[in-house]
Amino acid sequence: MKQDVVGLIYTEEQADELQDLTRYRATAALPMAGRYRLIDFTLSSMIHSGVKNIGIIMQKNYHSLMDHLGSGREWNLHGKRSGLTILPPYMSRDKVGVYEGLLDALHTNMGFLRRSVERYIAVTDSNVLYQVDFRQVARAHMDSKSDITLLYTKDRNVRRNGRGRYLKVEGDQVTKIEFDPTIPHFENTYIGAFIVRRELLVDLVDRAVASGQHHFSRDMLAQMINGGIHRVGAYECPGRVWVVDSIPSYFQANMDFLKEDFRNQIFRDDRPVWTKLRDEMPARHIGDSTVTNSLVADGCLIEGRVENSILFRGVVVRPGAVIRNSIIMQDAVISRGAEVENCILDKQVTLRDKVRLVAPRSYPLVVAKNLTI
């Protein structure tokens, strides 16, 4: 079967709960698992599914994301027949580069939808991490003769009291949807990804905006499900799903990659996760340094002790320094005798000699970029 799917990744406005981590970067550009960015997982998933034409809807604070994506070469999206299209935010006197929601973003980027020639379009959020084959989603979508097919998960880790969209699924169809319930009544969480015929999406968005609707799921999807005119299909996403929308969820998603079964689910030999290359020396372990159950990226210099932690490229750990249960981003320096536990250190943070940063596991401490403590 000829795969005829165009991809569209919506990088929503940064979540306030991510605090300093998204002050200068989009959520999609959050560093993950030692050397990746959050968007790499969705991009790689689409490419392995045969999607060769991908648009990325940007919002403000998109410079680090632009820098990361470049021409799309690392994802093989720079050829004549394949392409990465950056859709920068629409700026005007009234708009400050932030969309009111996905519906507003789709309407503003209608040119991309109309220019694409593929029959189907897969639209995803950028703050959800999972591994799925969009070819299988497209096949299920066609087999069920649905107008639109939503991806969902039964994974309880993505449920949020008072937040989220939950689906009642009967067979392969969605029959009800609820928004931000105090306690969700349905066990299926919609993960912000769907597949639909491209021309139908253009028509639906046009009509929705013309009738004064603003929200894609709250207005348009709800109307499709409740109106009974459209068939809304459902596809269960296999395996574990992570939604990165707060400091604890970001911390947990990274820490889960220290577990082999989760690593094997996401980093598969037949479906590698691609990212921007940065050529570095291999990590060096000097003297009586010890590293246990940790991910250490290239370019690191380790002279101290590292336990259950993730070190990004170029991190320096001096003698006597101890790092436990922490995420240390690129080019940070942990000086002699310093101690870090349950913390997230952003890029280029320097901890001076004998500084102690210890936080509770349930709510890690975040140290903003370029700080010296």
Protein backbone atom coordinates (compact mmCIF):
# COMPACT_ATOMS: atom_id res chain seq x y z
CA MET A 1 0.00 0.00 0.00
CA LYS A 2 1.41 3.38 -0.97
CA GLN A 3 1.98 5.46 2.11
CA ASP A 4 0.59 8.86 1.44
CA VAL A 5 0.94 10.78 4.71
CA VAL A 6 2.25 14.27 5.44
CA GLY A 7 3.34 15.00 9.01
CA LEU A 8 2.59 18.11 11.04
CA ILE A 9 4.09 18.67 14.51
CA TYR A 10 2.47 21.37 16.65
CA THR A 11 4.90 22.87 19.16
CA GLU A 12 2.41 24.30 21.64
CA GLU A 13 3.12 27.23 23.93
CA GLN A 14 5.44 26.26 26.76
CA ALA A 15 3.85 24.90 29.92
CA ASP A 16 4.17 27.22 32.92
CA GLU A 17 4.85 24.19 35.12
CA LEU A 18 8.17 23.69 33.31
CA GLN A 19 9.42 26.98 34.83
CA ASP A 20 12.99 27.95 33.93
CA LEU A 21 13.42 25.00 31.56
CA THR A 22 11.16 26.63 28.97
CA ARG A 23 11.89 30.27 29.68
CA TYR A 24 14.15 30.52 26.62
CA ARG A 25 13.25 27.37 24.71
CA ALA A 26 10.16 25.65 23.34
CA THR A 27 8.99 22.49 25.14
CA ALA A 28 9.82 20.59 21.94
CA ALA A 29 13.48 21.62 22.37
CA LEU A 30 13.81 20.23 25.92
CA PRO A 31 16.99 18.13 26.23
CA MET A 32 16.25 14.45 26.85
CA ALA A 33 18.18 11.28 27.71
CA GLY A 34 21.70 12.67 27.47
CA ARG A 35 21.88 13.83 23.86
CA TYR A 36 18.41 14.24 22.35
CA ARG A 37 15.65 16.84 22.26
CA LEU A 38 12.01 16.01 22.89
CA ILE A 39 11.05 16.63 19.24
CA ASP A 40 13.60 14.04 18.00
CA PHE A 41 11.38 11.16 19.12
CA THR A 42 8.29 12.33 17.20
CA LEU A 43 10.34 13.28 14.13
CA SER A 44 12.16 9.92 14.04
CA SER A 45 8.88 8.03 14.53
CA MET A 46 7.34 9.81 11.54
CA ILE A 47 10.37 9.19 9.32
CA HIS A 48 10.45 5.46 10.16
CA SER A 49 6.76 5.41 9.21
CA GLY A 50 7.62 6.55 5.69
CA VAL A 51 6.54 10.17 6.22
CA LYS A 52 8.90 12.24 4.04
CA ASN A 53 7.23 15.64 4.19
CA ILE A 54 6.97 17.18 7.67
CA GLY A 55 5.89 20.64 8.78
CA ILE A 56 6.69 22.03 12.23
CA ILE A 57 4.46 24.79 13.59
CA MET A 58 6.59 27.14 15.71
CA GLN A 59 5.60 29.52 18.48
CA LYS A 60 7.65 32.10 20.38
CA ASN A 61 11.00 31.04 21.90
CA TYR A 62 11.64 28.88 18.86
CA HIS A 63 15.28 29.87 18.19
CA SER A 64 16.91 26.91 19.98
CA LEU A 65 14.50 24.58 18.16
CA MET A 66 15.39 26.17 14.79
CA ASP A 67 19.10 25.85 15.61
CA HIS A 68 18.61 22.17 16.51
CA LEU A 69 16.63 21.27 13.38
CA GLY A 70 18.78 23.19 10.90
CA SER A 71 18.13 22.03 7.32
CA GLY A 72 16.79 18.65 8.48
CA ARG A 73 19.93 16.85 7.26
CA GLU A 74 20.28 14.66 10.38
CA TRP A 75 16.76 13.31 9.77
CA ASN A 76 17.35 12.94 6.03
CA LEU A 77 14.71 15.59 5.35
CA HIS A 78 16.78 17.77 3.02
CA GLY A 79 16.35 15.97 -0.30
CA LYS A 80 14.47 17.05 -3.41
CA ARG A 81 11.52 14.76 -2.72
CA SER A 82 11.50 15.07 1.03
CA GLY A 83 11.45 18.06 3.21
CA LEU A 84 11.27 19.74 6.56
CA THR A 85 9.11 22.86 6.50
CA ILE A 86 9.50 25.29 9.37
CA LEU A 87 6.25 27.22 9.86
CA PRO A 88 7.29 30.27 11.92
CA PRO A 89 4.75 32.04 14.15
CA TYR A 90 2.48 34.54 12.48
CA MET A 91 3.37 37.94 13.92
CA SER A 92 1.23 41.05 13.62
CA ARG A 93 0.27 44.04 15.72
CA ASP A 94 -2.36 41.96 17.54
CA LYS A 95 -0.53 38.61 17.55
CA VAL A 96 2.66 38.09 19.51
CA GLY A 97 3.61 34.77 17.96
CA VAL A 98 1.39 32.62 20.18
CA TYR A 99 -1.57 30.69 18.79
CA GLU A 100 -4.77 30.38 20.78
CA GLY A 101 -4.63 26.64 20.21
CA LEU A 102 -4.21 23.98 17.54
CA LEU A 103 -7.26 25.16 15.57
CA ASP A 104 -5.85 28.70 15.32
CA ALA A 105 -2.44 27.26 14.33
CA LEU A 106 -3.92 25.00 11.62
CA HIS A 107 -5.98 27.87 10.22
CA THR A 108 -2.97 30.22 10.12
CA ASN A 109 -0.89 27.56 8.33
CA MET A 110 -3.59 26.59 5.85
CA GLY A 111 -1.13 27.28 3.02
CA PHE A 112 0.98 24.29 4.09
CA LEU A 113 -2.09 22.03 4.26
CA ARG A 114 -3.25 23.09 0.81
CA ARG A 115 0.22 22.92 -0.80
CA SER A 116 0.88 19.36 0.39
CA VAL A 117 -0.08 16.66 -2.10
CA GLU A 118 -0.41 13.67 0.26
CA ARG A 119 -3.86 12.21 0.80
CA TYR A 120 -3.61 11.91 4.62
CA ILE A 121 -2.11 14.06 7.35
CA ALA A 122 -0.78 12.97 10.75
CA VAL A 123 -0.88 15.80 13.29
CA THR A 124 0.88 15.46 16.66
CA ASP A 125 1.70 17.49 19.75
CA SER A 126 5.40 17.85 20.56
CA ASN A 127 5.43 17.25 24.34
CA VAL A 128 4.42 13.58 24.26
CA LEU A 129 7.02 10.81 23.95
CA TYR A 130 6.05 7.42 22.52
CA GLN A 131 6.95 4.97 19.76
CA VAL A 132 4.30 4.30 17.11
CA ASP A 133 4.22 3.32 13.43
CA PHE A 134 2.01 5.84 11.64
CA ARG A 135 1.68 3.37 8.74
CA GLN A 136 -0.28 1.05 11.02
CA VAL A 137 -2.37 3.98 12.26
CA ALA A 138 -3.13 4.96 8.65
CA ARG A 139 -4.05 1.37 7.80
CA ALA A 140 -6.39 1.10 10.80
CA HIS A 141 -7.87 4.49 9.87
CA MET A 142 -8.69 3.28 6.36
CA ASP A 143 -9.93 -0.15 7.46
CA SER A 144 -12.38 1.37 9.97
CA LYS A 145 -13.60 3.91 7.36
CA SER A 146 -13.26 6.64 9.98
CA ASP A 147 -13.23 10.34 9.15
CA ILE A 148 -10.53 10.99 11.75
CA THR A 149 -8.59 8.57 13.99
CA LEU A 150 -7.32 9.65 17.42
CA LEU A 151 -4.34 8.06 19.20
CA TYR A 152 -4.90 7.18 22.84
CA THR A 153 -3.22 5.26 25.65
CA LYS A 154 -4.39 3.36 28.70
CA ASP A 155 -1.09 4.21 30.47
CA ARG A 156 -2.10 5.62 33.85
CA ASN A 157 1.08 7.72 34.12
CA VAL A 158 -0.29 10.26 31.67
CA ARG A 159 -3.53 10.87 33.59
CA ARG A 160 -3.77 14.23 35.32
CA ASN A 161 -6.55 15.14 37.75
CA GLY A 162 -8.24 18.29 36.50
CA ARG A 163 -6.41 18.17 33.17
CA GLY A 164 -6.37 16.18 29.96
CA ARG A 165 -8.79 14.75 27.42
CA TYR A 166 -10.27 11.31 28.01
CA LEU A 167 -12.10 9.10 25.53
CA LYS A 168 -14.81 6.49 25.75
CA VAL A 169 -13.87 3.90 23.13
CA GLU A 170 -16.30 1.25 21.88
CA GLY A 171 -14.75 -1.15 19.38
CA ASP A 172 -12.56 1.07 17.23
CA GLN A 173 -14.74 4.19 17.59
CA VAL A 174 -14.75 7.10 20.04
CA THR A 175 -18.25 7.62 21.44
CA LYS A 176 -17.59 10.25 24.15
CA ILE A 177 -14.90 12.73 25.16
CA GLU A 178 -14.40 14.62 28.44
CA PHE A 179 -12.15 17.61 29.11
CA ASP A 180 -10.17 18.40 32.27
CA PRO A 181 -12.33 16.31 34.64
CA THR A 182 -11.44 16.42 38.34
CA ILE A 183 -11.36 12.63 38.20
CA PRO A 184 -11.38 11.08 34.70
CA HIS A 185 -14.29 8.68 34.05
CA PHE A 186 -12.74 6.99 31.01
CA GLU A 187 -9.51 4.99 31.07
CA ASN A 188 -8.31 6.15 27.64
CA THR A 189 -6.19 9.31 27.48
CA TYR A 190 -6.05 11.15 24.14
CA ILE A 191 -2.36 11.88 23.46
CA GLY A 192 -2.77 14.80 21.07
CA ALA A 193 -2.14 12.90 17.81
CA PHE A 194 -4.55 12.06 15.01
CA ILE A 195 -4.70 11.07 11.35
CA VAL A 196 -7.26 12.45 8.91
CA ARG A 197 -7.76 12.96 5.17
CA ARG A 198 -5.95 16.22 4.39
CA GLU A 199 -8.74 17.79 2.35
CA LEU A 200 -11.29 16.93 5.03
CA LEU A 201 -9.10 18.64 7.66
CA VAL A 202 -8.91 21.79 5.50
CA ASP A 203 -12.71 21.78 5.20
CA LEU A 204 -13.29 21.08 8.92
CA VAL A 205 -10.88 23.81 10.05
CA ASP A 206 -12.43 26.33 7.61
CA ARG A 207 -15.93 25.62 8.89
CA ALA A 208 -14.90 25.61 12.57
CA VAL A 209 -13.13 28.98 12.34
CA ALA A 210 -15.97 30.47 10.28
CA SER A 211 -18.42 29.54 13.05
CA GLY A 212 -16.26 31.19 15.72
CA GLN A 213 -14.62 28.10 17.24
CA HIS A 214 -11.16 28.38 18.82
CA HIS A 215 -10.26 25.00 20.31
CA PHE A 216 -9.53 21.96 18.19
CA SER A 217 -10.53 19.26 20.67
CA ARG A 218 -12.93 21.17 22.96
CA ASP A 219 -14.92 22.65 20.06
CA MET A 220 -14.28 20.79 16.84
CA LEU A 221 -13.57 17.25 18.06
CA ALA A 222 -16.36 17.37 20.63
CA GLN A 223 -18.77 18.44 17.90
CA MET A 224 -17.59 15.61 15.61
CA ILE A 225 -18.00 13.01 18.37
CA ASN A 226 -21.32 14.30 19.74
CA GLY A 227 -22.85 15.32 16.41
CA GLY A 228 -22.95 11.79 15.06
CA ILE A 229 -22.21 12.99 11.51
CA HIS A 230 -18.56 11.89 11.49
CA ARG A 231 -16.94 8.58 12.38
CA VAL A 232 -14.20 9.23 14.95
CA GLY A 233 -11.86 6.25 15.13
CA ALA A 234 -9.49 5.26 17.94
CA TYR A 235 -6.03 3.69 17.84
CA GLU A 236 -4.29 2.51 21.00
CA CYS A 237 -0.66 3.59 21.18
CA PRO A 238 1.50 0.58 22.20
CA GLY A 239 3.89 0.63 25.15
CA ARG A 240 4.66 3.31 27.68
CA VAL A 241 3.75 6.94 26.94
CA TRP A 242 5.28 10.00 28.61
CA VAL A 243 3.65 13.45 28.69
CA VAL A 244 6.20 16.15 29.54
CA ASP A 245 4.18 18.99 31.05
CA SER A 246 5.78 19.70 34.44
CA ILE A 247 9.13 19.49 36.26
CA PRO A 248 8.29 16.12 37.93
CA SER A 249 7.06 14.59 34.63
CA TYR A 250 10.18 15.80 32.78
CA PHE A 251 12.41 14.42 35.54
CA GLN A 252 10.58 11.08 35.60
CA ALA A 253 10.65 10.68 31.81
CA ASN A 254 14.43 11.07 31.81
CA MET A 255 14.94 8.83 34.83
CA ASP A 256 12.83 6.10 33.20
CA PHE A 257 15.50 5.81 30.50
CA LEU A 258 17.84 4.40 33.15
CA LYS A 259 15.58 1.31 33.06
CA GLU A 260 16.46 -1.15 30.33
CA ASP A 261 12.93 -2.11 29.30
CA PHE A 262 11.93 1.52 28.65
CA ARG A 263 15.17 2.18 26.77
CA ASN A 264 14.51 -0.86 24.60
CA GLN A 265 10.99 0.34 23.83
CA ILE A 266 12.09 3.77 22.58
CA PHE A 267 15.61 3.13 21.26
CA ARG A 268 15.12 0.24 18.86
CA ASP A 269 17.83 -0.96 16.48
CA ASP A 270 15.36 -1.03 13.59
CA ARG A 271 13.98 2.44 14.43
CA PRO A 272 16.88 4.59 15.69
CA VAL A 273 16.20 8.03 17.18
CA TRP A 274 18.12 10.64 15.19
CA THR A 275 19.38 13.93 16.55
CA LYS A 276 21.73 16.80 15.70
CA LEU A 277 25.33 15.62 15.71
CA ARG A 278 28.02 17.21 17.82
CA ASP A 279 31.42 15.56 17.43
CA GLU A 280 33.05 15.09 20.80
CA MET A 281 35.74 12.98 22.39
CA PRO A 282 34.40 9.88 24.17
CA ALA A 283 33.66 10.36 27.89
CA ARG A 284 36.79 10.08 30.07
CA HIS A 285 36.82 8.51 33.52
CA ILE A 286 39.87 9.52 35.54
CA GLY A 287 41.37 8.34 38.86
CA ASP A 288 38.99 6.73 41.34
CA SER A 289 35.86 8.02 39.61
CA THR A 290 32.82 5.72 39.83
CA VAL A 291 29.69 5.67 37.68
CA THR A 292 26.69 3.43 38.45
CA ASN A 293 23.41 3.09 36.55
CA SER A 294 23.84 6.35 34.62
CA LEU A 295 23.72 7.65 31.06
CA VAL A 296 26.90 9.58 30.28
CA ALA A 297 27.16 11.37 26.93
CA ASP A 298 30.35 11.91 24.95
CA GLY A 299 32.69 14.75 25.88
CA CYS A 300 32.22 14.29 29.65
CA LEU A 301 35.16 14.32 32.08
CA ILE A 302 34.42 12.37 35.25
CA GLU A 303 36.74 12.45 38.27
CA GLY A 304 34.04 12.14 40.97
CA ARG A 305 31.06 9.89 41.69
CA VAL A 306 27.90 9.60 39.58
CA GLU A 307 24.87 7.49 40.58
CA ASN A 308 21.48 7.05 38.84
CA SER A 309 21.98 10.20 36.81
CA ILE A 310 21.96 11.53 33.26
CA LEU A 311 24.92 13.60 32.09
CA PHE A 312 24.69 15.47 28.79
CA ARG A 313 27.63 16.26 26.53
CA GLY A 314 30.69 18.01 27.94
CA VAL A 315 29.83 17.81 31.66
CA VAL A 316 32.84 18.06 34.01
CA VAL A 317 32.70 16.31 37.42
CA ARG A 318 35.72 17.22 39.57
CA PRO A 319 37.34 14.95 42.24
CA GLY A 320 35.25 14.48 45.38
CA ALA A 321 32.06 15.69 43.65
CA VAL A 322 28.96 13.47 44.04
CA ILE A 323 25.93 13.45 41.70
CA ARG A 324 22.87 11.36 42.62
CA ASN A 325 19.47 11.02 40.88
CA SER A 326 20.08 14.15 38.82
CA ILE A 327 19.98 15.50 35.27
CA ILE A 328 23.03 17.57 34.38
CA MET A 329 22.79 19.32 31.02
CA GLN A 330 25.45 20.25 28.51
CA ASP A 331 28.80 21.79 29.57
CA ALA A 332 27.96 22.04 33.28
CA VAL A 333 30.87 22.01 35.77
CA ILE A 334 30.52 20.33 39.18
CA SER A 335 33.53 21.48 41.20
CA ARG A 336 35.52 19.64 43.89
CA GLY A 337 33.54 18.28 46.80
CA ALA A 338 30.19 19.57 45.46
CA GLU A 339 27.10 17.43 46.01
CA VAL A 340 23.99 17.29 43.80
CA GLU A 341 20.91 15.17 44.55
CA ASN A 342 17.48 15.18 42.86
CA CYS A 343 18.32 18.26 40.78
CA ILE A 344 18.05 19.40 37.18
CA LEU A 345 20.95 21.64 36.14
CA ASP A 346 20.41 23.47 32.86
CA LYS A 347 23.20 24.15 30.35
CA GLN A 348 26.50 25.75 31.41
CA VAL A 349 25.74 25.79 35.13
CA THR A 350 28.79 25.92 37.40
CA LEU A 351 28.71 24.68 40.99
CA ARG A 352 31.63 25.96 43.04
CA ASP A 353 33.67 23.86 45.47
CA LYS A 354 31.74 22.10 48.24
CA VAL A 355 28.32 23.50 47.24
CA ARG A 356 25.44 21.18 48.28
CA LEU A 357 22.18 21.09 46.33
CA VAL A 358 19.78 18.47 47.69
CA ALA A 359 16.05 18.42 46.85
CA PRO A 360 13.17 15.99 47.48
CA ARG A 361 12.78 13.28 44.82
CA SER A 362 9.12 14.19 44.27
CA TYR A 363 9.94 17.79 43.34
CA PRO A 364 13.44 18.24 41.89
CA LEU A 365 15.28 21.54 42.12
CA VAL A 366 15.87 23.32 38.80
CA VAL A 367 18.93 25.53 38.32
CA ALA A 368 18.53 27.90 35.36
CA LYS A 369 20.94 28.16 32.45
CA ASN A 370 24.38 29.82 32.84
CA LEU A 371 24.17 30.25 36.63
CA THR A 372 27.16 29.96 38.94
CA ILE A 373 26.36 28.87 42.48
